């Protein structure tokens, strides 16, 4: 199959707008695909994220105060669930 070239005349402003639209669309698609591919964290990553000790994390898990899953022998924490837990426990607001 022979490839054909197309030559288009456009202003600098039109080109800028076309590029901006293409970037917006690519970012939108990237966000949508990243939502479906949720990130999973290890225990060490959750400890660092929440700034708690490993024993505190273990106690939260025993008390069922933090969501986690077991994949084989590994414990994993879904980032979106950890973020939701943080947001649901928020007291007050920084915005006045």
PDB file of N, CA and C in Angstrom:
ATOM      1  N   UNK A   1       0.848  -1.179   0.000  1.00  0.00           N
ATOM      2  CA  UNK A   1       0.000   0.000   0.000  1.00  0.00           C
ATOM      3  C   UNK A   1       0.894   1.243   0.000  1.00  0.00           C
ATOM      4  N   UNK A   2       0.617   2.142  -0.903  1.00  0.00           N
ATOM      5  CA  UNK A   2       1.427   3.343  -1.042  1.00  0.00           C
ATOM      6  C   UNK A   2       0.906   4.426  -0.098  1.00  0.00           C
ATOM      7  N   UNK A   3       1.841   5.058   0.596  1.00  0.00           N
ATOM      8  CA  UNK A   3       1.483   6.124   1.532  1.00  0.00           C
ATOM      9  C   UNK A   3       1.469   7.446   0.781  1.00  0.00           C
ATOM     10  N   UNK A   4       0.456   8.249   1.016  1.00  0.00           N
ATOM     11  CA  UNK A   4       0.386   9.552   0.354  1.00  0.00           C
ATOM     12  C   UNK A   4       0.561  10.656   1.379  1.00  0.00           C
ATOM     13  N   UNK A   5       1.137  11.735   0.963  1.00  0.00           N
ATOM     14  CA  UNK A   5       1.358  12.889   1.828  1.00  0.00           C
ATOM     15  C   UNK A   5       0.328  13.955   1.527  1.00  0.00           C
ATOM     16  N   UNK A   6      -0.070  14.663   2.550  1.00  0.00           N
ATOM     17  CA  UNK A   6      -1.039  15.730   2.405  1.00  0.00           C
ATOM     18  C   UNK A   6      -0.413  17.006   2.934  1.00  0.00           C
ATOM     19  N   UNK A   7      -0.418  18.040   2.150  1.00  0.00           N
ATOM     20  CA  UNK A   7       0.155  19.313   2.542  1.00  0.00           C
ATOM     21  C   UNK A   7      -0.981  20.273   2.867  1.00  0.00           C
ATOM     22  N   UNK A   8      -0.947  20.822   4.094  1.00  0.00           N
ATOM     23  CA  UNK A   8      -2.003  21.724   4.539  1.00  0.00           C
ATOM     24  C   UNK A   8      -1.369  23.059   4.917  1.00  0.00           C
ATOM     25  N   UNK A   9      -1.989  24.128   4.494  1.00  0.00           N
ATOM     26  CA  UNK A   9      -1.540  25.463   4.889  1.00  0.00           C
ATOM     27  C   UNK A   9      -2.374  25.898   6.090  1.00  0.00           C
ATOM     28  N   UNK A  10      -1.673  26.291   7.167  1.00  0.00           N
ATOM     29  CA  UNK A  10      -2.380  26.803   8.345  1.00  0.00           C
ATOM     30  C   UNK A  10      -1.516  27.851   9.021  1.00  0.00           C
ATOM     31  N   UNK A  11      -2.172  28.702   9.763  1.00  0.00           N
ATOM     32  CA  UNK A  11      -1.447  29.754  10.475  1.00  0.00           C
ATOM     33  C   UNK A  11      -0.768  29.157  11.698  1.00  0.00           C
ATOM     34  N   UNK A  12       0.140  29.926  12.240  1.00  0.00           N
ATOM     35  CA  UNK A  12       0.848  29.505  13.447  1.00  0.00           C
ATOM     36  C   UNK A  12      -0.150  29.295  14.589  1.00  0.00           C
ATOM     37  N   UNK A  13      -1.131  30.175  14.700  1.00  0.00           N
ATOM     38  CA  UNK A  13      -2.153  30.067  15.746  1.00  0.00           C
ATOM     39  C   UNK A  13      -2.987  28.799  15.576  1.00  0.00           C
ATOM     40  N   UNK A  14      -3.335  28.469  14.314  1.00  0.00           N
ATOM     41  CA  UNK A  14      -4.099  27.248  14.057  1.00  0.00           C
ATOM     42  C   UNK A  14      -3.294  26.003  14.421  1.00  0.00           C
ATOM     43  N   UNK A  15      -2.007  26.017  14.081  1.00  0.00           N
ATOM     44  CA  UNK A  15      -1.140  24.883  14.413  1.00  0.00           C
ATOM     45  C   UNK A  15      -1.029  24.727  15.923  1.00  0.00           C
ATOM     46  N   UNK A  16      -0.863  25.853  16.594  1.00  0.00           N
ATOM     47  CA  UNK A  16      -0.767  25.843  18.056  1.00  0.00           C
ATOM     48  C   UNK A  16      -2.040  25.247  18.676  1.00  0.00           C
ATOM     49  N   UNK A  17      -3.186  25.629  18.165  1.00  0.00           N
ATOM     50  CA  UNK A  17      -4.463  25.128  18.660  1.00  0.00           C
ATOM     51  C   UNK A  17      -4.601  23.625  18.399  1.00  0.00           C
ATOM     52  N   UNK A  18      -4.200  23.166  17.221  1.00  0.00           N
ATOM     53  CA  UNK A  18      -4.272  21.731  16.891  1.00  0.00           C
ATOM     54  C   UNK A  18      -3.381  20.915  17.822  1.00  0.00           C
ATOM     55  N   UNK A  19      -2.175  21.412  18.083  1.00  0.00           N
ATOM     56  CA  UNK A  19      -1.257  20.706  18.983  1.00  0.00           C
ATOM     57  C   UNK A  19      -1.827  20.679  20.398  1.00  0.00           C
ATOM     58  N   UNK A  20      -2.358  21.796  20.857  1.00  0.00           N
ATOM     59  CA  UNK A  20      -2.949  21.863  22.200  1.00  0.00           C
ATOM     60  C   UNK A  20      -4.114  20.886  22.331  1.00  0.00           C
ATOM     61  N   UNK A  21      -4.950  20.807  21.318  1.00  0.00           N
ATOM     62  CA  UNK A  21      -6.074  19.862  21.343  1.00  0.00           C
ATOM     63  C   UNK A  21      -5.589  18.418  21.383  1.00  0.00           C
ATOM     64  N   UNK A  22      -4.554  18.120  20.608  1.00  0.00           N
ATOM     65  CA  UNK A  22      -4.007  16.765  20.595  1.00  0.00           C
ATOM     66  C   UNK A  22      -3.418  16.398  21.959  1.00  0.00           C
ATOM     67  N   UNK A  23      -2.737  17.343  22.589  1.00  0.00           N
ATOM     68  CA  UNK A  23      -2.159  17.099  23.920  1.00  0.00           C
ATOM     69  C   UNK A  23      -3.270  16.898  24.945  1.00  0.00           C
ATOM     70  N   UNK A  24      -4.311  17.744  24.908  1.00  0.00           N
ATOM     71  CA  UNK A  24      -5.442  17.592  25.830  1.00  0.00           C
ATOM     72  C   UNK A  24      -6.084  16.218  25.693  1.00  0.00           C
ATOM     73  N   UNK A  25      -6.292  15.790  24.465  1.00  0.00           N
ATOM     74  CA  UNK A  25      -6.912  14.488  24.213  1.00  0.00           C
ATOM     75  C   UNK A  25      -6.032  13.348  24.721  1.00  0.00           C
ATOM     76  N   UNK A  26      -4.721  13.456  24.503  1.00  0.00           N
ATOM     77  CA  UNK A  26      -3.797  12.424  24.978  1.00  0.00           C
ATOM     78  C   UNK A  26      -3.788  12.366  26.506  1.00  0.00           C
ATOM     79  N   UNK A  27      -3.814  13.512  27.167  1.00  0.00           N
ATOM     80  CA  UNK A  27      -3.850  13.550  28.629  1.00  0.00           C
ATOM     81  C   UNK A  27      -5.153  12.958  29.166  1.00  0.00           C
ATOM     82  N   UNK A  28      -6.248  13.257  28.499  1.00  0.00           N
ATOM     83  CA  UNK A  28      -7.552  12.730  28.907  1.00  0.00           C
ATOM     84  C   UNK A  28      -7.555  11.201  28.805  1.00  0.00           C
ATOM     85  N   UNK A  29      -7.051  10.676  27.698  1.00  0.00           N
ATOM     86  CA  UNK A  29      -6.977   9.225  27.520  1.00  0.00           C
ATOM     87  C   UNK A  29      -6.056   8.590  28.543  1.00  0.00           C
ATOM     88  N   UNK A  30      -4.954   9.256  28.852  1.00  0.00           N
ATOM     89  CA  UNK A  30      -3.999   8.745  29.840  1.00  0.00           C
ATOM     90  C   UNK A  30      -4.638   8.676  31.217  1.00  0.00           C
ATOM     91  N   UNK A  31      -5.388   9.716  31.602  1.00  0.00           N
ATOM     92  CA  UNK A  31      -6.069   9.725  32.897  1.00  0.00           C
ATOM     93  C   UNK A  31      -7.093   8.603  32.983  1.00  0.00           C
ATOM     94  N   UNK A  32      -7.853   8.409  31.902  1.00  0.00           N
ATOM     95  CA  UNK A  32      -8.883   7.373  31.897  1.00  0.00           C
ATOM     96  C   UNK A  32      -8.269   5.985  32.012  1.00  0.00           C
ATOM     97  N   UNK A  33      -7.150   5.752  31.337  1.00  0.00           N
ATOM     98  CA  UNK A  33      -6.531   4.431  31.410  1.00  0.00           C
ATOM     99  C   UNK A  33      -5.854   4.216  32.751  1.00  0.00           C
ATOM    100  N   UNK A  34      -5.331   5.271  33.369  1.00  0.00           N
ATOM    101  CA  UNK A  34      -4.675   5.107  34.665  1.00  0.00           C
ATOM    102  C   UNK A  34      -5.686   4.843  35.772  1.00  0.00           C
ATOM    103  N   UNK A  35      -6.932   5.309  35.603  1.00  0.00           N
ATOM    104  CA  UNK A  35      -7.961   5.029  36.597  1.00  0.00           C
ATOM    105  C   UNK A  35      -8.281   3.541  36.645  1.00  0.00           C
ATOM    106  N   UNK A  36      -8.295   2.897  35.485  1.00  0.00           N
ATOM    107  CA  UNK A  36      -8.622   1.484  35.444  1.00  0.00           C
ATOM    108  C   UNK A  36      -7.446   0.623  35.895  1.00  0.00           C
ATOM    109  N   UNK A  37      -6.239   1.151  35.854  1.00  0.00           N
ATOM    110  CA  UNK A  37      -5.050   0.433  36.292  1.00  0.00           C
ATOM    111  C   UNK A  37      -4.625   0.985  37.648  1.00  0.00           C
ATOM    112  N   UNK A  38      -5.371   0.657  38.690  1.00  0.00           N
ATOM    113  CA  UNK A  38      -5.088   1.177  40.012  1.00  0.00           C
ATOM    114  C   UNK A  38      -3.742   0.669  40.509  1.00  0.00           C
ATOM    115  N   UNK A  39      -3.040   1.501  41.226  1.00  0.00           N
ATOM    116  CA  UNK A  39      -1.732   1.154  41.749  1.00  0.00           C
ATOM    117  C   UNK A  39      -1.882   0.448  43.095  1.00  0.00           C
ATOM    118  N   UNK A  40      -1.066  -0.571  43.300  1.00  0.00           N
ATOM    119  CA  UNK A  40      -1.044  -1.299  44.562  1.00  0.00           C
ATOM    120  C   UNK A  40       0.248  -0.984  45.291  1.00  0.00           C
ATOM    121  N   UNK A  41       0.137  -0.822  46.599  1.00  0.00           N
ATOM    122  CA  UNK A  41       1.278  -0.483  47.437  1.00  0.00           C
ATOM    123  C   UNK A  41       1.666  -1.662  48.322  1.00  0.00           C
ATOM    124  N   UNK A  42       2.945  -1.717  48.676  1.00  0.00           N
ATOM    125  CA  UNK A  42       3.427  -2.705  49.632  1.00  0.00           C
ATOM    126  C   UNK A  42       3.237  -2.149  51.043  1.00  0.00           C
ATOM    127  N   UNK A  43       3.482  -2.998  52.039  1.00  0.00           N
ATOM    128  CA  UNK A  43       3.399  -2.524  53.433  1.00  0.00           C
ATOM    129  C   UNK A  43       4.374  -1.380  53.678  1.00  0.00           C
ATOM    130  N   UNK A  44       5.604  -1.530  53.180  1.00  0.00           N
ATOM    131  CA  UNK A  44       6.609  -0.480  53.386  1.00  0.00           C
ATOM    132  C   UNK A  44       6.180   0.849  52.769  1.00  0.00           C
ATOM    133  N   UNK A  45       5.567   0.777  51.591  1.00  0.00           N
ATOM    134  CA  UNK A  45       5.110   2.011  50.934  1.00  0.00           C
ATOM    135  C   UNK A  45       3.980   2.666  51.717  1.00  0.00           C
ATOM    136  N   UNK A  46       3.078   1.866  52.286  1.00  0.00           N
ATOM    137  CA  UNK A  46       1.973   2.421  53.078  1.00  0.00           C
ATOM    138  C   UNK A  46       2.500   3.047  54.359  1.00  0.00           C
ATOM    139  N   UNK A  47       3.458   2.387  54.984  1.00  0.00           N
ATOM    140  CA  UNK A  47       4.078   2.924  56.210  1.00  0.00           C
ATOM    141  C   UNK A  47       4.691   4.294  55.924  1.00  0.00           C
ATOM    142  N   UNK A  48       5.403   4.401  54.799  1.00  0.00           N
ATOM    143  CA  UNK A  48       6.021   5.685  54.428  1.00  0.00           C
ATOM    144  C   UNK A  48       4.966   6.722  54.077  1.00  0.00           C
ATOM    145  N   UNK A  49       3.948   6.315  53.316  1.00  0.00           N
ATOM    146  CA  UNK A  49       2.888   7.233  52.897  1.00  0.00           C
ATOM    147  C   UNK A  49       2.138   7.806  54.093  1.00  0.00           C
ATOM    148  N   UNK A  50       1.777   6.945  55.039  1.00  0.00           N
ATOM    149  CA  UNK A  50       0.994   7.374  56.192  1.00  0.00           C
ATOM    150  C   UNK A  50       1.858   7.872  57.351  1.00  0.00           C
ATOM    151  N   UNK A  51       3.171   7.686  57.219  1.00  0.00           N
ATOM    152  CA  UNK A  51       4.116   8.090  58.278  1.00  0.00           C
ATOM    153  C   UNK A  51       3.762   7.434  59.609  1.00  0.00           C
ATOM    154  N   UNK A  52       3.613   6.117  59.540  1.00  0.00           N
ATOM    155  CA  UNK A  52       3.325   5.334  60.750  1.00  0.00           C
ATOM    156  C   UNK A  52       4.341   4.208  60.845  1.00  0.00           C
ATOM    157  N   UNK A  53       4.398   3.576  61.992  1.00  0.00           N
ATOM    158  CA  UNK A  53       5.323   2.454  62.172  1.00  0.00           C
ATOM    159  C   UNK A  53       4.711   1.181  61.596  1.00  0.00           C
ATOM    160  N   UNK A  54       5.548   0.200  61.281  1.00  0.00           N
ATOM    161  CA  UNK A  54       5.015  -1.076  60.802  1.00  0.00           C
ATOM    162  C   UNK A  54       4.063  -1.739  61.813  1.00  0.00           C
ATOM    163  N   UNK A  55       4.354  -1.577  63.097  1.00  0.00           N
ATOM    164  CA  UNK A  55       3.466  -2.174  64.110  1.00  0.00           C
ATOM    165  C   UNK A  55       2.110  -1.461  64.142  1.00  0.00           C
ATOM    166  N   UNK A  56       2.103  -0.150  63.914  1.00  0.00           N
ATOM    167  CA  UNK A  56       0.837   0.596  63.846  1.00  0.00           C
ATOM    168  C   UNK A  56       0.016   0.127  62.649  1.00  0.00           C
ATOM    169  N   UNK A  57       0.673  -0.089  61.511  1.00  0.00           N
ATOM    170  CA  UNK A  57      -0.026  -0.594  60.329  1.00  0.00           C
ATOM    171  C   UNK A  57      -0.606  -1.974  60.618  1.00  0.00           C
ATOM    172  N   UNK A  58       0.171  -2.834  61.240  1.00  0.00           N
ATOM    173  CA  UNK A  58      -0.304  -4.178  61.589  1.00  0.00           C
ATOM    174  C   UNK A  58      -1.534  -4.099  62.490  1.00  0.00           C
ATOM    175  N   UNK A  59      -1.509  -3.193  63.472  1.00  0.00           N
ATOM    176  CA  UNK A  59      -2.651  -3.036  64.373  1.00  0.00           C
ATOM    177  C   UNK A  59      -3.878  -2.517  63.626  1.00  0.00           C
ATOM    178  N   UNK A  60      -3.687  -1.585  62.711  1.00  0.00           N
ATOM    179  CA  UNK A  60      -4.796  -1.058  61.905  1.00  0.00           C
ATOM    180  C   UNK A  60      -5.402  -2.172  61.052  1.00  0.00           C
ATOM    181  N   UNK A  61      -4.550  -3.059  60.552  1.00  0.00           N
ATOM    182  CA  UNK A  61      -5.037  -4.183  59.753  1.00  0.00           C
ATOM    183  C   UNK A  61      -5.849  -5.145  60.627  1.00  0.00           C
ATOM    184  N   UNK A  62      -5.350  -5.436  61.815  1.00  0.00           N
ATOM    185  CA  UNK A  62      -6.068  -6.329  62.734  1.00  0.00           C
ATOM    186  C   UNK A  62      -7.408  -5.740  63.151  1.00  0.00           C
ATOM    187  N   UNK A  63      -7.435  -4.414  63.323  1.00  0.00           N
ATOM    188  CA  UNK A  63      -8.668  -3.725  63.726  1.00  0.00           C
ATOM    189  C   UNK A  63      -9.590  -3.451  62.533  1.00  0.00           C
ATOM    190  N   UNK A  64      -9.170  -3.871  61.341  1.00  0.00           N
ATOM    191  CA  UNK A  64      -9.939  -3.653  60.100  1.00  0.00           C
ATOM    192  C   UNK A  64     -10.206  -2.160  59.858  1.00  0.00           C
ATOM    193  N   UNK A  65      -9.201  -1.336  60.170  1.00  0.00           N
ATOM    194  CA  UNK A  65      -9.320   0.101  59.950  1.00  0.00           C
ATOM    195  C   UNK A  65      -8.636   0.540  58.669  1.00  0.00           C
ATOM    196  N   UNK A  66      -7.979  -0.403  57.991  1.00  0.00           N
ATOM    197  CA  UNK A  66      -7.305  -0.080  56.741  1.00  0.00           C
ATOM    198  C   UNK A  66      -7.565  -1.213  55.745  1.00  0.00           C
ATOM    199  N   UNK A  67      -8.001  -0.892  54.534  1.00  0.00           N
ATOM    200  CA  UNK A  67      -8.309  -1.947  53.560  1.00  0.00           C
ATOM    201  C   UNK A  67      -7.034  -2.535  52.942  1.00  0.00           C
ATOM    202  N   UNK A  68      -7.017  -3.834  52.790  1.00  0.00           N
ATOM    203  CA  UNK A  68      -5.895  -4.500  52.139  1.00  0.00           C
ATOM    204  C   UNK A  68      -6.371  -5.795  51.504  1.00  0.00           C
ATOM    205  N   UNK A  69      -5.525  -6.344  50.652  1.00  0.00           N
ATOM    206  CA  UNK A  69      -5.831  -7.606  49.981  1.00  0.00           C
ATOM    207  C   UNK A  69      -4.618  -8.515  50.091  1.00  0.00           C
ATOM    208  N   UNK A  70      -4.875  -9.788  49.926  1.00  0.00           N
ATOM    209  CA  UNK A  70      -3.794 -10.753  49.927  1.00  0.00           C
ATOM    210  C   UNK A  70      -3.732 -11.357  48.528  1.00  0.00           C
ATOM    211  N   UNK A  71      -2.560 -11.288  47.934  1.00  0.00           N
ATOM    212  CA  UNK A  71      -2.314 -11.920  46.642  1.00  0.00           C
ATOM    213  C   UNK A  71      -1.243 -12.968  46.893  1.00  0.00           C
ATOM    214  N   UNK A  72      -1.691 -14.208  46.948  1.00  0.00           N
ATOM    215  CA  UNK A  72      -0.764 -15.270  47.346  1.00  0.00           C
ATOM    216  C   UNK A  72      -0.362 -15.040  48.794  1.00  0.00           C
ATOM    217  N   UNK A  73       0.918 -14.886  49.015  1.00  0.00           N
ATOM    218  CA  UNK A  73       1.409 -14.630  50.370  1.00  0.00           C
ATOM    219  C   UNK A  73       1.679 -13.148  50.616  1.00  0.00           C
ATOM    220  N   UNK A  74       1.513 -12.336  49.571  1.00  0.00           N
ATOM    221  CA  UNK A  74       1.797 -10.904  49.685  1.00  0.00           C
ATOM    222  C   UNK A  74       0.565 -10.118  50.106  1.00  0.00           C
ATOM    223  N   UNK A  75       0.783  -9.143  50.962  1.00  0.00           N
ATOM    224  CA  UNK A  75      -0.269  -8.198  51.323  1.00  0.00           C
ATOM    225  C   UNK A  75      -0.082  -6.955  50.470  1.00  0.00           C
ATOM    226  N   UNK A  76      -1.168  -6.488  49.860  1.00  0.00           N
ATOM    227  CA  UNK A  76      -1.106  -5.279  49.041  1.00  0.00           C
ATOM    228  C   UNK A  76      -2.237  -4.338  49.441  1.00  0.00           C
ATOM    229  N   UNK A  77      -1.999  -3.079  49.196  1.00  0.00           N
ATOM    230  CA  UNK A  77      -2.944  -2.029  49.557  1.00  0.00           C
ATOM    231  C   UNK A  77      -3.244  -1.227  48.306  1.00  0.00           C
ATOM    232  N   UNK A  78      -4.513  -1.090  47.962  1.00  0.00           N
ATOM    233  CA  UNK A  78      -4.915  -0.337  46.780  1.00  0.00           C
ATOM    234  C   UNK A  78      -4.800   1.149  47.106  1.00  0.00           C
ATOM    235  N   UNK A  79      -4.017   1.868  46.323  1.00  0.00           N
ATOM    236  CA  UNK A  79      -3.768   3.286  46.580  1.00  0.00           C
ATOM    237  C   UNK A  79      -5.066   4.080  46.655  1.00  0.00           C
ATOM    238  N   UNK A  80      -5.995   3.821  45.745  1.00  0.00           N
ATOM    239  CA  UNK A  80      -7.253   4.584  45.746  1.00  0.00           C
ATOM    240  C   UNK A  80      -8.044   4.348  47.032  1.00  0.00           C
ATOM    241  N   UNK A  81      -7.972   3.132  47.586  1.00  0.00           N
ATOM    242  CA  UNK A  81      -8.683   2.838  48.840  1.00  0.00           C
ATOM    243  C   UNK A  81      -8.004   3.513  50.021  1.00  0.00           C
ATOM    244  N   UNK A  82      -6.679   3.572  50.009  1.00  0.00           N
ATOM    245  CA  UNK A  82      -5.950   4.269  51.077  1.00  0.00           C
ATOM    246  C   UNK A  82      -6.274   5.760  51.026  1.00  0.00           C
ATOM    247  N   UNK A  83      -6.288   6.325  49.813  1.00  0.00           N
ATOM    248  CA  UNK A  83      -6.631   7.748  49.665  1.00  0.00           C
ATOM    249  C   UNK A  83      -8.059   8.016  50.115  1.00  0.00           C
ATOM    250  N   UNK A  84      -8.991   7.122  49.788  1.00  0.00           N
ATOM    251  CA  UNK A  84     -10.385   7.283  50.212  1.00  0.00           C
ATOM    252  C   UNK A  84     -10.488   7.207  51.737  1.00  0.00           C
ATOM    253  N   UNK A  85      -9.728   6.307  52.344  1.00  0.00           N
ATOM    254  CA  UNK A  85      -9.723   6.178  53.800  1.00  0.00           C
ATOM    255  C   UNK A  85      -9.220   7.477  54.439  1.00  0.00           C
ATOM    256  N   UNK A  86      -8.153   8.027  53.881  1.00  0.00           N
ATOM    257  CA  UNK A  86      -7.599   9.280  54.399  1.00  0.00           C
ATOM    258  C   UNK A  86      -8.634  10.392  54.285  1.00  0.00           C
ATOM    259  N   UNK A  87      -9.271  10.497  53.116  1.00  0.00           N
ATOM    260  CA  UNK A  87     -10.265  11.552  52.905  1.00  0.00           C
ATOM    261  C   UNK A  87     -11.483  11.389  53.799  1.00  0.00           C
ATOM    262  N   UNK A  88     -11.906  10.155  54.053  1.00  0.00           N
ATOM    263  CA  UNK A  88     -13.085   9.936  54.886  1.00  0.00           C
ATOM    264  C   UNK A  88     -12.798  10.232  56.357  1.00  0.00           C
ATOM    265  N   UNK A  89     -11.531  10.188  56.756  1.00  0.00           N
ATOM    266  CA  UNK A  89     -11.157  10.465  58.138  1.00  0.00           C
ATOM    267  C   UNK A  89     -10.750  11.912  58.363  1.00  0.00           C
ATOM    268  N   UNK A  90     -10.884  12.731  57.308  1.00  0.00           N
ATOM    269  CA  UNK A  90     -10.466  14.128  57.409  1.00  0.00           C
ATOM    270  C   UNK A  90     -11.390  14.886  58.359  1.00  0.00           C
ATOM    271  N   UNK A  91     -10.753  15.654  59.223  1.00  0.00           N
ATOM    272  CA  UNK A  91     -11.501  16.486  60.172  1.00  0.00           C
ATOM    273  C   UNK A  91     -11.183  17.930  59.843  1.00  0.00           C
ATOM    274  N   UNK A  92     -12.222  18.701  59.536  1.00  0.00           N
ATOM    275  CA  UNK A  92     -12.017  20.092  59.186  1.00  0.00           C
ATOM    276  C   UNK A  92     -11.512  20.243  57.772  1.00  0.00           C
ATOM    277  N   UNK A  93     -11.061  21.435  57.456  1.00  0.00           N
ATOM    278  CA  UNK A  93     -10.582  21.714  56.104  1.00  0.00           C
ATOM    279  C   UNK A  93      -9.524  22.792  56.173  1.00  0.00           C
ATOM    280  N   UNK A  94      -8.593  22.752  55.241  1.00  0.00           N
ATOM    281  CA  UNK A  94      -7.570  23.780  55.179  1.00  0.00           C
ATOM    282  C   UNK A  94      -8.094  25.032  54.493  1.00  0.00           C
ATOM    283  N   UNK A  95      -9.192  24.887  53.734  1.00  0.00           N
ATOM    284  CA  UNK A  95      -9.773  26.022  53.021  1.00  0.00           C
ATOM    285  C   UNK A  95     -10.816  26.682  53.910  1.00  0.00           C
ATOM    286  N   UNK A  96     -10.663  27.963  54.118  1.00  0.00           N
ATOM    287  CA  UNK A  96     -11.600  28.691  55.000  1.00  0.00           C
ATOM    288  C   UNK A  96     -12.630  29.427  54.200  1.00  0.00           C
TER     289      UNK A  96
END
